[in-house]
């Protein structure tokens, strides 16, 4: 079983709620119609394969969306590893598995 979430959340969580979540989070900011986001899914799926201690939240981002703004998201997809409200690693617009190495390294340290 993988931590990979295939669907975007119906409702964006508040930043305070994200900061209060226990365990390790992988926040993925993007949109279902975004070509860059769609292209990154296979690499993200492989990154999370076998990761049972990670919660993957796909957050549909856009103008006026407070969670993405609070984390200075500007391009999609943006992936952020967080634990206890602290950012551990970030990757913006990955195109290959190698681009996800900073996230893989952060997840391995947990």
PDB file of N, CA and C in Angstrom:
ATOM      1  N   UNK A   1       0.843  -1.187   0.000  1.00  0.00           N
ATOM      2  CA  UNK A   1       0.000   0.000   0.000  1.00  0.00           C
ATOM      3  C   UNK A   1       0.883   1.245   0.000  1.00  0.00           C
ATOM      4  N   UNK A   2       0.523   2.210  -0.773  1.00  0.00           N
ATOM      5  CA  UNK A   2       1.296   3.439  -0.929  1.00  0.00           C
ATOM      6  C   UNK A   2       0.567   4.603  -0.286  1.00  0.00           C
ATOM      7  N   UNK A   3       1.322   5.629   0.036  1.00  0.00           N
ATOM      8  CA  UNK A   3       0.754   6.858   0.592  1.00  0.00           C
ATOM      9  C   UNK A   3       0.198   7.756  -0.508  1.00  0.00           C
ATOM     10  N   UNK A   4       0.413   7.398  -1.762  1.00  0.00           N
ATOM     11  CA  UNK A   4       0.023   8.238  -2.892  1.00  0.00           C
ATOM     12  C   UNK A   4      -1.486   8.498  -2.925  1.00  0.00           C
ATOM     13  N   UNK A   5      -1.835   9.782  -3.037  1.00  0.00           N
ATOM     14  CA  UNK A   5      -3.247  10.186  -3.176  1.00  0.00           C
ATOM     15  C   UNK A   5      -3.480  10.580  -4.631  1.00  0.00           C
ATOM     16  N   UNK A   6      -4.442   9.970  -5.267  1.00  0.00           N
ATOM     17  CA  UNK A   6      -4.675  10.256  -6.686  1.00  0.00           C
ATOM     18  C   UNK A   6      -5.582  11.461  -6.903  1.00  0.00           C
ATOM     19  N   UNK A   7      -6.360  11.841  -5.898  1.00  0.00           N
ATOM     20  CA  UNK A   7      -7.328  12.925  -6.077  1.00  0.00           C
ATOM     21  C   UNK A   7      -6.972  14.145  -5.240  1.00  0.00           C
ATOM     22  N   UNK A   8      -7.330  15.300  -5.777  1.00  0.00           N
ATOM     23  CA  UNK A   8      -7.171  16.548  -5.033  1.00  0.00           C
ATOM     24  C   UNK A   8      -8.233  16.610  -3.945  1.00  0.00           C
ATOM     25  N   UNK A   9      -7.871  17.238  -2.823  1.00  0.00           N
ATOM     26  CA  UNK A   9      -8.814  17.404  -1.727  1.00  0.00           C
ATOM     27  C   UNK A   9     -10.010  18.229  -2.172  1.00  0.00           C
ATOM     28  N   UNK A  10     -11.177  17.901  -1.660  1.00  0.00           N
ATOM     29  CA  UNK A  10     -12.385  18.666  -1.979  1.00  0.00           C
ATOM     30  C   UNK A  10     -12.328  20.046  -1.337  1.00  0.00           C
ATOM     31  N   UNK A  11     -11.703  20.129  -0.165  1.00  0.00           N
ATOM     32  CA  UNK A  11     -11.586  21.386   0.563  1.00  0.00           C
ATOM     33  C   UNK A  11     -10.154  21.549   1.027  1.00  0.00           C
ATOM     34  N   UNK A  12      -9.597  22.703   0.768  1.00  0.00           N
ATOM     35  CA  UNK A  12      -8.230  22.993   1.189  1.00  0.00           C
ATOM     36  C   UNK A  12      -8.159  23.109   2.716  1.00  0.00           C
ATOM     37  N   UNK A  13      -7.189  22.445   3.361  1.00  0.00           N
ATOM     38  CA  UNK A  13      -7.058  22.608   4.807  1.00  0.00           C
ATOM     39  C   UNK A  13      -6.488  23.987   5.158  1.00  0.00           C
ATOM     40  N   UNK A  14      -6.782  24.445   6.351  1.00  0.00           N
ATOM     41  CA  UNK A  14      -6.219  25.709   6.829  1.00  0.00           C
ATOM     42  C   UNK A  14      -4.758  25.479   7.219  1.00  0.00           C
ATOM     43  N   UNK A  15      -3.959  26.522   7.134  1.00  0.00           N
ATOM     44  CA  UNK A  15      -2.535  26.409   7.480  1.00  0.00           C
ATOM     45  C   UNK A  15      -2.370  25.925   8.919  1.00  0.00           C
ATOM     46  N   UNK A  16      -3.154  26.434   9.848  1.00  0.00           N
ATOM     47  CA  UNK A  16      -3.056  25.996  11.244  1.00  0.00           C
ATOM     48  C   UNK A  16      -3.318  24.502  11.373  1.00  0.00           C
ATOM     49  N   UNK A  17      -4.262  23.988  10.598  1.00  0.00           N
ATOM     50  CA  UNK A  17      -4.565  22.557  10.630  1.00  0.00           C
ATOM     51  C   UNK A  17      -3.406  21.739  10.068  1.00  0.00           C
ATOM     52  N   UNK A  18      -2.801  22.217   8.994  1.00  0.00           N
ATOM     53  CA  UNK A  18      -1.646  21.531   8.403  1.00  0.00           C
ATOM     54  C   UNK A  18      -0.494  21.520   9.399  1.00  0.00           C
ATOM     55  N   UNK A  19      -0.227  22.669  10.031  1.00  0.00           N
ATOM     56  CA  UNK A  19       0.865  22.762  11.001  1.00  0.00           C
ATOM     57  C   UNK A  19       0.639  21.846  12.199  1.00  0.00           C
ATOM     58  N   UNK A  20      -0.613  21.592  12.544  1.00  0.00           N
ATOM     59  CA  UNK A  20      -0.940  20.769  13.711  1.00  0.00           C
ATOM     60  C   UNK A  20      -0.997  19.275  13.398  1.00  0.00           C
ATOM     61  N   UNK A  21      -0.956  18.909  12.113  1.00  0.00           N
ATOM     62  CA  UNK A  21      -1.041  17.490  11.749  1.00  0.00           C
ATOM     63  C   UNK A  21       0.176  16.728  12.255  1.00  0.00           C
ATOM     64  N   UNK A  22      -0.090  15.541  12.774  1.00  0.00           N
ATOM     65  CA  UNK A  22       0.983  14.695  13.262  1.00  0.00           C
ATOM     66  C   UNK A  22       1.594  13.918  12.112  1.00  0.00           C
ATOM     67  N   UNK A  23       2.855  13.617  12.246  1.00  0.00           N
ATOM     68  CA  UNK A  23       3.541  12.818  11.245  1.00  0.00           C
ATOM     69  C   UNK A  23       4.088  13.662  10.107  1.00  0.00           C
ATOM     70  N   UNK A  24       4.484  12.979   9.072  1.00  0.00           N
ATOM     71  CA  UNK A  24       5.112  13.609   7.911  1.00  0.00           C
ATOM     72  C   UNK A  24       4.084  13.805   6.817  1.00  0.00           C
ATOM     73  N   UNK A  25       4.081  14.993   6.245  1.00  0.00           N
ATOM     74  CA  UNK A  25       3.166  15.333   5.160  1.00  0.00           C
ATOM     75  C   UNK A  25       3.941  15.604   3.885  1.00  0.00           C
ATOM     76  N   UNK A  26       3.381  15.185   2.772  1.00  0.00           N
ATOM     77  CA  UNK A  26       3.838  15.644   1.470  1.00  0.00           C
ATOM     78  C   UNK A  26       2.672  16.420   0.888  1.00  0.00           C
ATOM     79  N   UNK A  27       2.831  17.735   0.842  1.00  0.00           N
ATOM     80  CA  UNK A  27       1.807  18.596   0.247  1.00  0.00           C
ATOM     81  C   UNK A  27       2.150  18.765  -1.221  1.00  0.00           C
ATOM     82  N   UNK A  28       1.199  18.485  -2.077  1.00  0.00           N
ATOM     83  CA  UNK A  28       1.370  18.667  -3.516  1.00  0.00           C
ATOM     84  C   UNK A  28       0.386  19.739  -3.972  1.00  0.00           C
ATOM     85  N   UNK A  29       0.906  20.864  -4.417  1.00  0.00           N
ATOM     86  CA  UNK A  29       0.082  21.963  -4.897  1.00  0.00           C
ATOM     87  C   UNK A  29       0.038  21.926  -6.417  1.00  0.00           C
ATOM     88  N   UNK A  30      -1.168  22.040  -6.968  1.00  0.00           N
ATOM     89  CA  UNK A  30      -1.330  22.031  -8.409  1.00  0.00           C
ATOM     90  C   UNK A  30      -2.791  22.127  -8.771  1.00  0.00           C
ATOM     91  N   UNK A  31      -3.125  21.594  -9.938  1.00  0.00           N
ATOM     92  CA  UNK A  31      -4.506  21.583 -10.415  1.00  0.00           C
ATOM     93  C   UNK A  31      -4.688  20.362 -11.317  1.00  0.00           C
ATOM     94  N   UNK A  32      -5.875  19.775 -11.326  1.00  0.00           N
ATOM     95  CA  UNK A  32      -6.086  18.562 -12.107  1.00  0.00           C
ATOM     96  C   UNK A  32      -5.926  18.762 -13.612  1.00  0.00           C
ATOM     97  N   UNK A  33      -6.102  19.981 -14.092  1.00  0.00           N
ATOM     98  CA  UNK A  33      -5.991  20.258 -15.525  1.00  0.00           C
ATOM     99  C   UNK A  33      -4.575  20.678 -15.935  1.00  0.00           C
ATOM    100  N   UNK A  34      -3.665  20.836 -14.974  1.00  0.00           N
ATOM    101  CA  UNK A  34      -2.297  21.312 -15.232  1.00  0.00           C
ATOM    102  C   UNK A  34      -1.455  20.211 -15.875  1.00  0.00           C
ATOM    103  N   UNK A  35      -0.945  20.461 -17.052  1.00  0.00           N
ATOM    104  CA  UNK A  35      -0.118  19.483 -17.757  1.00  0.00           C
ATOM    105  C   UNK A  35       1.157  19.123 -17.008  1.00  0.00           C
ATOM    106  N   UNK A  36       1.820  20.095 -16.380  1.00  0.00           N
ATOM    107  CA  UNK A  36       3.027  19.824 -15.587  1.00  0.00           C
ATOM    108  C   UNK A  36       2.697  18.909 -14.410  1.00  0.00           C
ATOM    109  N   UNK A  37       1.539  19.158 -13.792  1.00  0.00           N
ATOM    110  CA  UNK A  37       1.102  18.335 -12.653  1.00  0.00           C
ATOM    111  C   UNK A  37       0.828  16.904 -13.100  1.00  0.00           C
ATOM    112  N   UNK A  38       0.149  16.750 -14.206  1.00  0.00           N
ATOM    113  CA  UNK A  38      -0.163  15.426 -14.734  1.00  0.00           C
ATOM    114  C   UNK A  38       1.110  14.666 -15.084  1.00  0.00           C
ATOM    115  N   UNK A  39       2.069  15.369 -15.682  1.00  0.00           N
ATOM    116  CA  UNK A  39       3.320  14.730 -16.095  1.00  0.00           C
ATOM    117  C   UNK A  39       4.152  14.254 -14.903  1.00  0.00           C
ATOM    118  N   UNK A  40       4.016  14.902 -13.761  1.00  0.00           N
ATOM    119  CA  UNK A  40       4.815  14.563 -12.575  1.00  0.00           C
ATOM    120  C   UNK A  40       4.242  13.386 -11.784  1.00  0.00           C
ATOM    121  N   UNK A  41       3.024  12.964 -12.070  1.00  0.00           N
ATOM    122  CA  UNK A  41       2.351  11.973 -11.232  1.00  0.00           C
ATOM    123  C   UNK A  41       3.079  10.633 -11.152  1.00  0.00           C
ATOM    124  N   UNK A  42       3.626  10.151 -12.236  1.00  0.00           N
ATOM    125  CA  UNK A  42       4.318   8.853 -12.193  1.00  0.00           C
ATOM    126  C   UNK A  42       5.530   8.918 -11.267  1.00  0.00           C
ATOM    127  N   UNK A  43       6.278  10.010 -11.326  1.00  0.00           N
ATOM    128  CA  UNK A  43       7.448  10.161 -10.445  1.00  0.00           C
ATOM    129  C   UNK A  43       7.030  10.285  -8.988  1.00  0.00           C
ATOM    130  N   UNK A  44       5.956  11.017  -8.730  1.00  0.00           N
ATOM    131  CA  UNK A  44       5.464  11.173  -7.362  1.00  0.00           C
ATOM    132  C   UNK A  44       4.975   9.821  -6.826  1.00  0.00           C
ATOM    133  N   UNK A  45       4.292   9.074  -7.672  1.00  0.00           N
ATOM    134  CA  UNK A  45       3.799   7.743  -7.280  1.00  0.00           C
ATOM    135  C   UNK A  45       4.980   6.843  -6.901  1.00  0.00           C
ATOM    136  N   UNK A  46       6.057   6.882  -7.709  1.00  0.00           N
ATOM    137  CA  UNK A  46       7.238   6.060  -7.407  1.00  0.00           C
ATOM    138  C   UNK A  46       7.916   6.535  -6.118  1.00  0.00           C
ATOM    139  N   UNK A  47       7.970   7.849  -5.897  1.00  0.00           N
ATOM    140  CA  UNK A  47       8.556   8.388  -4.675  1.00  0.00           C
ATOM    141  C   UNK A  47       7.845   7.836  -3.440  1.00  0.00           C
ATOM    142  N   UNK A  48       6.539   7.741  -3.501  1.00  0.00           N
ATOM    143  CA  UNK A  48       5.737   7.332  -2.351  1.00  0.00           C
ATOM    144  C   UNK A  48       5.490   5.828  -2.267  1.00  0.00           C
ATOM    145  N   UNK A  49       5.944   5.076  -3.247  1.00  0.00           N
ATOM    146  CA  UNK A  49       5.737   3.626  -3.244  1.00  0.00           C
ATOM    147  C   UNK A  49       6.309   3.029  -1.963  1.00  0.00           C
ATOM    148  N   UNK A  50       5.480   2.353  -1.218  1.00  0.00           N
ATOM    149  CA  UNK A  50       5.922   1.720   0.016  1.00  0.00           C
ATOM    150  C   UNK A  50       6.028   2.652   1.211  1.00  0.00           C
ATOM    151  N   UNK A  51       5.746   3.926   1.033  1.00  0.00           N
ATOM    152  CA  UNK A  51       5.812   4.880   2.151  1.00  0.00           C
ATOM    153  C   UNK A  51       4.492   4.858   2.909  1.00  0.00           C
ATOM    154  N   UNK A  52       4.513   4.235   4.055  1.00  0.00           N
ATOM    155  CA  UNK A  52       3.294   4.140   4.860  1.00  0.00           C
ATOM    156  C   UNK A  52       3.243   5.209   5.944  1.00  0.00           C
ATOM    157  N   UNK A  53       4.364   5.847   6.220  1.00  0.00           N
ATOM    158  CA  UNK A  53       4.417   6.829   7.293  1.00  0.00           C
ATOM    159  C   UNK A  53       4.363   8.269   6.769  1.00  0.00           C
ATOM    160  N   UNK A  54       3.852   8.428   5.554  1.00  0.00           N
ATOM    161  CA  UNK A  54       3.744   9.746   4.935  1.00  0.00           C
ATOM    162  C   UNK A  54       2.287   9.964   4.522  1.00  0.00           C
ATOM    163  N   UNK A  55       1.765  11.149   4.819  1.00  0.00           N
ATOM    164  CA  UNK A  55       0.432  11.522   4.365  1.00  0.00           C
ATOM    165  C   UNK A  55       0.593  12.443   3.161  1.00  0.00           C
ATOM    166  N   UNK A  56       0.058  12.041   2.031  1.00  0.00           N
ATOM    167  CA  UNK A  56       0.135  12.814   0.793  1.00  0.00           C
ATOM    168  C   UNK A  56      -1.170  13.573   0.622  1.00  0.00           C
ATOM    169  N   UNK A  57      -1.076  14.903   0.609  1.00  0.00           N
ATOM    170  CA  UNK A  57      -2.254  15.744   0.407  1.00  0.00           C
ATOM    171  C   UNK A  57      -2.099  16.507  -0.897  1.00  0.00           C
ATOM    172  N   UNK A  58      -3.011  16.264  -1.823  1.00  0.00           N
ATOM    173  CA  UNK A  58      -3.021  17.006  -3.089  1.00  0.00           C
ATOM    174  C   UNK A  58      -3.961  18.201  -2.906  1.00  0.00           C
ATOM    175  N   UNK A  59      -3.393  19.389  -2.998  1.00  0.00           N
ATOM    176  CA  UNK A  59      -4.142  20.616  -2.743  1.00  0.00           C
ATOM    177  C   UNK A  59      -4.296  21.379  -4.055  1.00  0.00           C
ATOM    178  N   UNK A  60      -5.550  21.541  -4.488  1.00  0.00           N
ATOM    179  CA  UNK A  60      -5.791  22.334  -5.693  1.00  0.00           C
ATOM    180  C   UNK A  60      -5.517  23.794  -5.357  1.00  0.00           C
ATOM    181  N   UNK A  61      -4.584  24.368  -6.084  1.00  0.00           N
ATOM    182  CA  UNK A  61      -4.105  25.716  -5.794  1.00  0.00           C
ATOM    183  C   UNK A  61      -4.640  26.694  -6.828  1.00  0.00           C
ATOM    184  N   UNK A  62      -4.560  27.952  -6.515  1.00  0.00           N
ATOM    185  CA  UNK A  62      -4.992  28.992  -7.435  1.00  0.00           C
ATOM    186  C   UNK A  62      -5.023  30.341  -6.745  1.00  0.00           C
ATOM    187  N   UNK A  63      -5.367  31.341  -7.497  1.00  0.00           N
ATOM    188  CA  UNK A  63      -5.437  32.700  -6.980  1.00  0.00           C
ATOM    189  C   UNK A  63      -6.347  32.763  -5.758  1.00  0.00           C
ATOM    190  N   UNK A  64      -5.844  33.398  -4.718  1.00  0.00           N
ATOM    191  CA  UNK A  64      -6.638  33.573  -3.515  1.00  0.00           C
ATOM    192  C   UNK A  64      -6.728  32.364  -2.604  1.00  0.00           C
ATOM    193  N   UNK A  65      -5.996  31.310  -2.906  1.00  0.00           N
ATOM    194  CA  UNK A  65      -6.019  30.118  -2.048  1.00  0.00           C
ATOM    195  C   UNK A  65      -4.977  30.315  -0.937  1.00  0.00           C
ATOM    196  N   UNK A  66      -5.423  30.417   0.309  1.00  0.00           N
ATOM    197  CA  UNK A  66      -4.521  30.821   1.385  1.00  0.00           C
ATOM    198  C   UNK A  66      -3.393  29.840   1.725  1.00  0.00           C
ATOM    199  N   UNK A  67      -3.623  28.538   1.642  1.00  0.00           N
ATOM    200  CA  UNK A  67      -2.563  27.603   2.015  1.00  0.00           C
ATOM    201  C   UNK A  67      -1.363  27.748   1.085  1.00  0.00           C
ATOM    202  N   UNK A  68      -1.619  27.765  -0.204  1.00  0.00           N
ATOM    203  CA  UNK A  68      -0.525  27.936  -1.159  1.00  0.00           C
ATOM    204  C   UNK A  68       0.195  29.265  -0.987  1.00  0.00           C
ATOM    205  N   UNK A  69      -0.558  30.314  -0.711  1.00  0.00           N
ATOM    206  CA  UNK A  69       0.073  31.623  -0.513  1.00  0.00           C
ATOM    207  C   UNK A  69       0.929  31.634   0.745  1.00  0.00           C
ATOM    208  N   UNK A  70       0.462  30.934   1.809  1.00  0.00           N
ATOM    209  CA  UNK A  70       1.219  30.909   3.059  1.00  0.00           C
ATOM    210  C   UNK A  70       2.557  30.191   2.903  1.00  0.00           C
ATOM    211  N   UNK A  71       2.647  29.329   1.888  1.00  0.00           N
ATOM    212  CA  UNK A  71       3.892  28.609   1.620  1.00  0.00           C
ATOM    213  C   UNK A  71       4.611  29.138   0.379  1.00  0.00           C
ATOM    214  N   UNK A  72       4.204  30.304  -0.096  1.00  0.00           N
ATOM    215  CA  UNK A  72       4.854  30.980  -1.238  1.00  0.00           C
ATOM    216  C   UNK A  72       4.897  30.111  -2.494  1.00  0.00           C
ATOM    217  N   UNK A  73       3.821  29.368  -2.757  1.00  0.00           N
ATOM    218  CA  UNK A  73       3.727  28.555  -3.973  1.00  0.00           C
ATOM    219  C   UNK A  73       3.474  29.481  -5.153  1.00  0.00           C
ATOM    220  N   UNK A  74       4.303  29.330  -6.197  1.00  0.00           N
ATOM    221  CA  UNK A  74       4.159  30.167  -7.380  1.00  0.00           C
ATOM    222  C   UNK A  74       3.995  29.360  -8.678  1.00  0.00           C
ATOM    223  N   UNK A  75       4.599  28.181  -8.713  1.00  0.00           N
ATOM    224  CA  UNK A  75       4.520  27.321  -9.894  1.00  0.00           C
ATOM    225  C   UNK A  75       3.981  25.960  -9.488  1.00  0.00           C
ATOM    226  N   UNK A  76       3.370  25.276 -10.452  1.00  0.00           N
ATOM    227  CA  UNK A  76       2.827  23.942 -10.208  1.00  0.00           C
ATOM    228  C   UNK A  76       3.572  22.904 -11.002  1.00  0.00           C
ATOM    229  N   UNK A  77       3.651  21.722 -10.526  1.00  0.00           N
ATOM    230  CA  UNK A  77       3.380  21.374  -9.146  1.00  0.00           C
ATOM    231  C   UNK A  77       4.515  21.831  -8.234  1.00  0.00           C
ATOM    232  N   UNK A  78       4.155  22.160  -7.022  1.00  0.00           N
ATOM    233  CA  UNK A  78       5.123  22.400  -5.950  1.00  0.00           C
ATOM    234  C   UNK A  78       4.846  21.352  -4.891  1.00  0.00           C
ATOM    235  N   UNK A  79       5.899  20.644  -4.496  1.00  0.00           N
ATOM    236  CA  UNK A  79       5.789  19.589  -3.488  1.00  0.00           C
ATOM    237  C   UNK A  79       6.603  19.997  -2.271  1.00  0.00           C
ATOM    238  N   UNK A  80       5.977  19.919  -1.103  1.00  0.00           N
ATOM    239  CA  UNK A  80       6.603  20.350   0.139  1.00  0.00           C
ATOM    240  C   UNK A  80       6.477  19.234   1.173  1.00  0.00           C
ATOM    241  N   UNK A  81       7.610  18.815   1.728  1.00  0.00           N
ATOM    242  CA  UNK A  81       7.604  17.856   2.830  1.00  0.00           C
ATOM    243  C   UNK A  81       7.602  18.666   4.118  1.00  0.00           C
ATOM    244  N   UNK A  82       6.637  18.366   5.000  1.00  0.00           N
ATOM    245  CA  UNK A  82       6.513  19.066   6.275  1.00  0.00           C
ATOM    246  C   UNK A  82       6.360  18.065   7.412  1.00  0.00           C
ATOM    247  N   UNK A  83       6.812  18.488   8.571  1.00  0.00           N
ATOM    248  CA  UNK A  83       6.608  17.710   9.799  1.00  0.00           C
ATOM    249  C   UNK A  83       6.453  18.695  10.936  1.00  0.00           C
ATOM    250  N   UNK A  84       5.372  18.578  11.678  1.00  0.00           N
ATOM    251  CA  UNK A  84       5.103  19.474  12.814  1.00  0.00           C
ATOM    252  C   UNK A  84       5.163  20.945  12.418  1.00  0.00           C
ATOM    253  N   UNK A  85       4.649  21.271  11.241  1.00  0.00           N
ATOM    254  CA  UNK A  85       4.592  22.651  10.792  1.00  0.00           C
ATOM    255  C   UNK A  85       5.886  23.197  10.224  1.00  0.00           C
ATOM    256  N   UNK A  86       6.928  22.390  10.159  1.00  0.00           N
ATOM    257  CA  UNK A  86       8.226  22.823   9.643  1.00  0.00           C
ATOM    258  C   UNK A  86       8.448  22.246   8.244  1.00  0.00           C
ATOM    259  N   UNK A  87       8.887  23.102   7.339  1.00  0.00           N
ATOM    260  CA  UNK A  87       9.214  22.637   5.989  1.00  0.00           C
ATOM    261  C   UNK A  87      10.578  21.967   6.017  1.00  0.00           C
ATOM    262  N   UNK A  88      10.637  20.740   5.499  1.00  0.00           N
ATOM    263  CA  UNK A  88      11.875  19.979   5.466  1.00  0.00           C
ATOM    264  C   UNK A  88      12.512  19.966   4.086  1.00  0.00           C
ATOM    265  N   UNK A  89      11.693  20.014   3.044  1.00  0.00           N
ATOM    266  CA  UNK A  89      12.205  19.984   1.672  1.00  0.00           C
ATOM    267  C   UNK A  89      11.124  20.482   0.725  1.00  0.00           C
ATOM    268  N   UNK A  90      11.577  20.981  -0.426  1.00  0.00           N
ATOM    269  CA  UNK A  90      10.648  21.501  -1.430  1.00  0.00           C
ATOM    270  C   UNK A  90      11.219  21.228  -2.817  1.00  0.00           C
ATOM    271  N   UNK A  91      10.332  20.858  -3.732  1.00  0.00           N
ATOM    272  CA  UNK A  91      10.689  20.698  -5.143  1.00  0.00           C
ATOM    273  C   UNK A  91       9.600  21.387  -5.956  1.00  0.00           C
ATOM    274  N   UNK A  92      10.047  22.162  -6.936  1.00  0.00           N
ATOM    275  CA  UNK A  92       9.119  22.889  -7.794  1.00  0.00           C
ATOM    276  C   UNK A  92       9.239  22.369  -9.224  1.00  0.00           C
ATOM    277  N   UNK A  93       8.111  22.018  -9.786  1.00  0.00           N
ATOM    278  CA  UNK A  93       7.961  21.567 -11.172  1.00  0.00           C
ATOM    279  C   UNK A  93       8.941  20.463 -11.569  1.00  0.00           C
ATOM    280  N   UNK A  94       8.881  19.319 -10.869  1.00  0.00           N
ATOM    281  CA  UNK A  94       9.766  18.217 -11.242  1.00  0.00           C
ATOM    282  C   UNK A  94       9.366  17.619 -12.582  1.00  0.00           C
ATOM    283  N   UNK A  95      10.371  17.157 -13.326  1.00  0.00           N
ATOM    284  CA  UNK A  95      10.099  16.507 -14.611  1.00  0.00           C
ATOM    285  C   UNK A  95      10.626  15.073 -14.646  1.00  0.00           C
ATOM    286  N   UNK A  96      11.371  14.674 -13.603  1.00  0.00           N
ATOM    287  CA  UNK A  96      11.915  13.316 -13.577  1.00  0.00           C
ATOM    288  C   UNK A  96      12.017  12.838 -12.138  1.00  0.00           C
ATOM    289  N   UNK A  97      12.274  11.547 -11.976  1.00  0.00           N
ATOM    290  CA  UNK A  97      12.490  10.983 -10.651  1.00  0.00           C
ATOM    291  C   UNK A  97      13.669  11.665  -9.959  1.00  0.00           C
ATOM    292  N   UNK A  98      14.717  11.977 -10.711  1.00  0.00           N
ATOM    293  CA  UNK A  98      15.910  12.608 -10.138  1.00  0.00           C
ATOM    294  C   UNK A  98      15.585  13.969  -9.521  1.00  0.00           C
ATOM    295  N   UNK A  99      14.630  14.671 -10.089  1.00  0.00           N
ATOM    296  CA  UNK A  99      14.248  15.979  -9.537  1.00  0.00           C
ATOM    297  C   UNK A  99      13.650  15.863  -8.141  1.00  0.00           C
ATOM    298  N   UNK A 100      13.174  14.687  -7.778  1.00  0.00           N
ATOM    299  CA  UNK A 100      12.546  14.478  -6.476  1.00  0.00           C
ATOM    300  C   UNK A 100      13.531  14.041  -5.394  1.00  0.00           C
ATOM    301  N   UNK A 101      14.822  13.990  -5.708  1.00  0.00           N
ATOM    302  CA  UNK A 101      15.824  13.547  -4.731  1.00  0.00           C
ATOM    303  C   UNK A 101      15.788  14.327  -3.419  1.00  0.00           C
ATOM    304  N   UNK A 102      15.618  15.657  -3.421  1.00  0.00           N
ATOM    305  CA  UNK A 102      15.547  16.366  -2.127  1.00  0.00           C
ATOM    306  C   UNK A 102      14.395  15.859  -1.249  1.00  0.00           C
ATOM    307  N   UNK A 103      13.281  15.491  -1.870  1.00  0.00           N
ATOM    308  CA  UNK A 103      12.155  14.962  -1.102  1.00  0.00           C
ATOM    309  C   UNK A 103      12.480  13.556  -0.596  1.00  0.00           C
ATOM    310  N   UNK A 104      13.090  12.743  -1.452  1.00  0.00           N
ATOM    311  CA  UNK A 104      13.458  11.373  -1.082  1.00  0.00           C
ATOM    312  C   UNK A 104      14.427  11.413   0.105  1.00  0.00           C
ATOM    313  N   UNK A 105      15.395  12.330   0.042  1.00  0.00           N
ATOM    314  CA  UNK A 105      16.366  12.456   1.122  1.00  0.00           C
ATOM    315  C   UNK A 105      15.678  12.871   2.426  1.00  0.00           C
ATOM    316  N   UNK A 106      14.767  13.832   2.353  1.00  0.00           N
ATOM    317  CA  UNK A 106      14.053  14.295   3.551  1.00  0.00           C
ATOM    318  C   UNK A 106      13.212  13.177   4.136  1.00  0.00           C
ATOM    319  N   UNK A 107      12.539  12.402   3.295  1.00  0.00           N
ATOM    320  CA  UNK A 107      11.700  11.306   3.774  1.00  0.00           C
ATOM    321  C   UNK A 107      12.549  10.189   4.385  1.00  0.00           C
ATOM    322  N   UNK A 108      13.753   9.990   3.873  1.00  0.00           N
ATOM    323  CA  UNK A 108      14.627   8.942   4.391  1.00  0.00           C
ATOM    324  C   UNK A 108      15.155   9.288   5.786  1.00  0.00           C
ATOM    325  N   UNK A 109      15.251  10.568   6.094  1.00  0.00           N
ATOM    326  CA  UNK A 109      15.765  11.016   7.400  1.00  0.00           C
ATOM    327  C   UNK A 109      14.721  10.927   8.506  1.00  0.00           C
ATOM    328  N   UNK A 110      13.491  10.663   8.145  1.00  0.00           N
ATOM    329  CA  UNK A 110      12.413  10.686   9.132  1.00  0.00           C
ATOM    330  C   UNK A 110      12.207   9.326   9.745  1.00  0.00           C
TER     331      UNK A 110
END
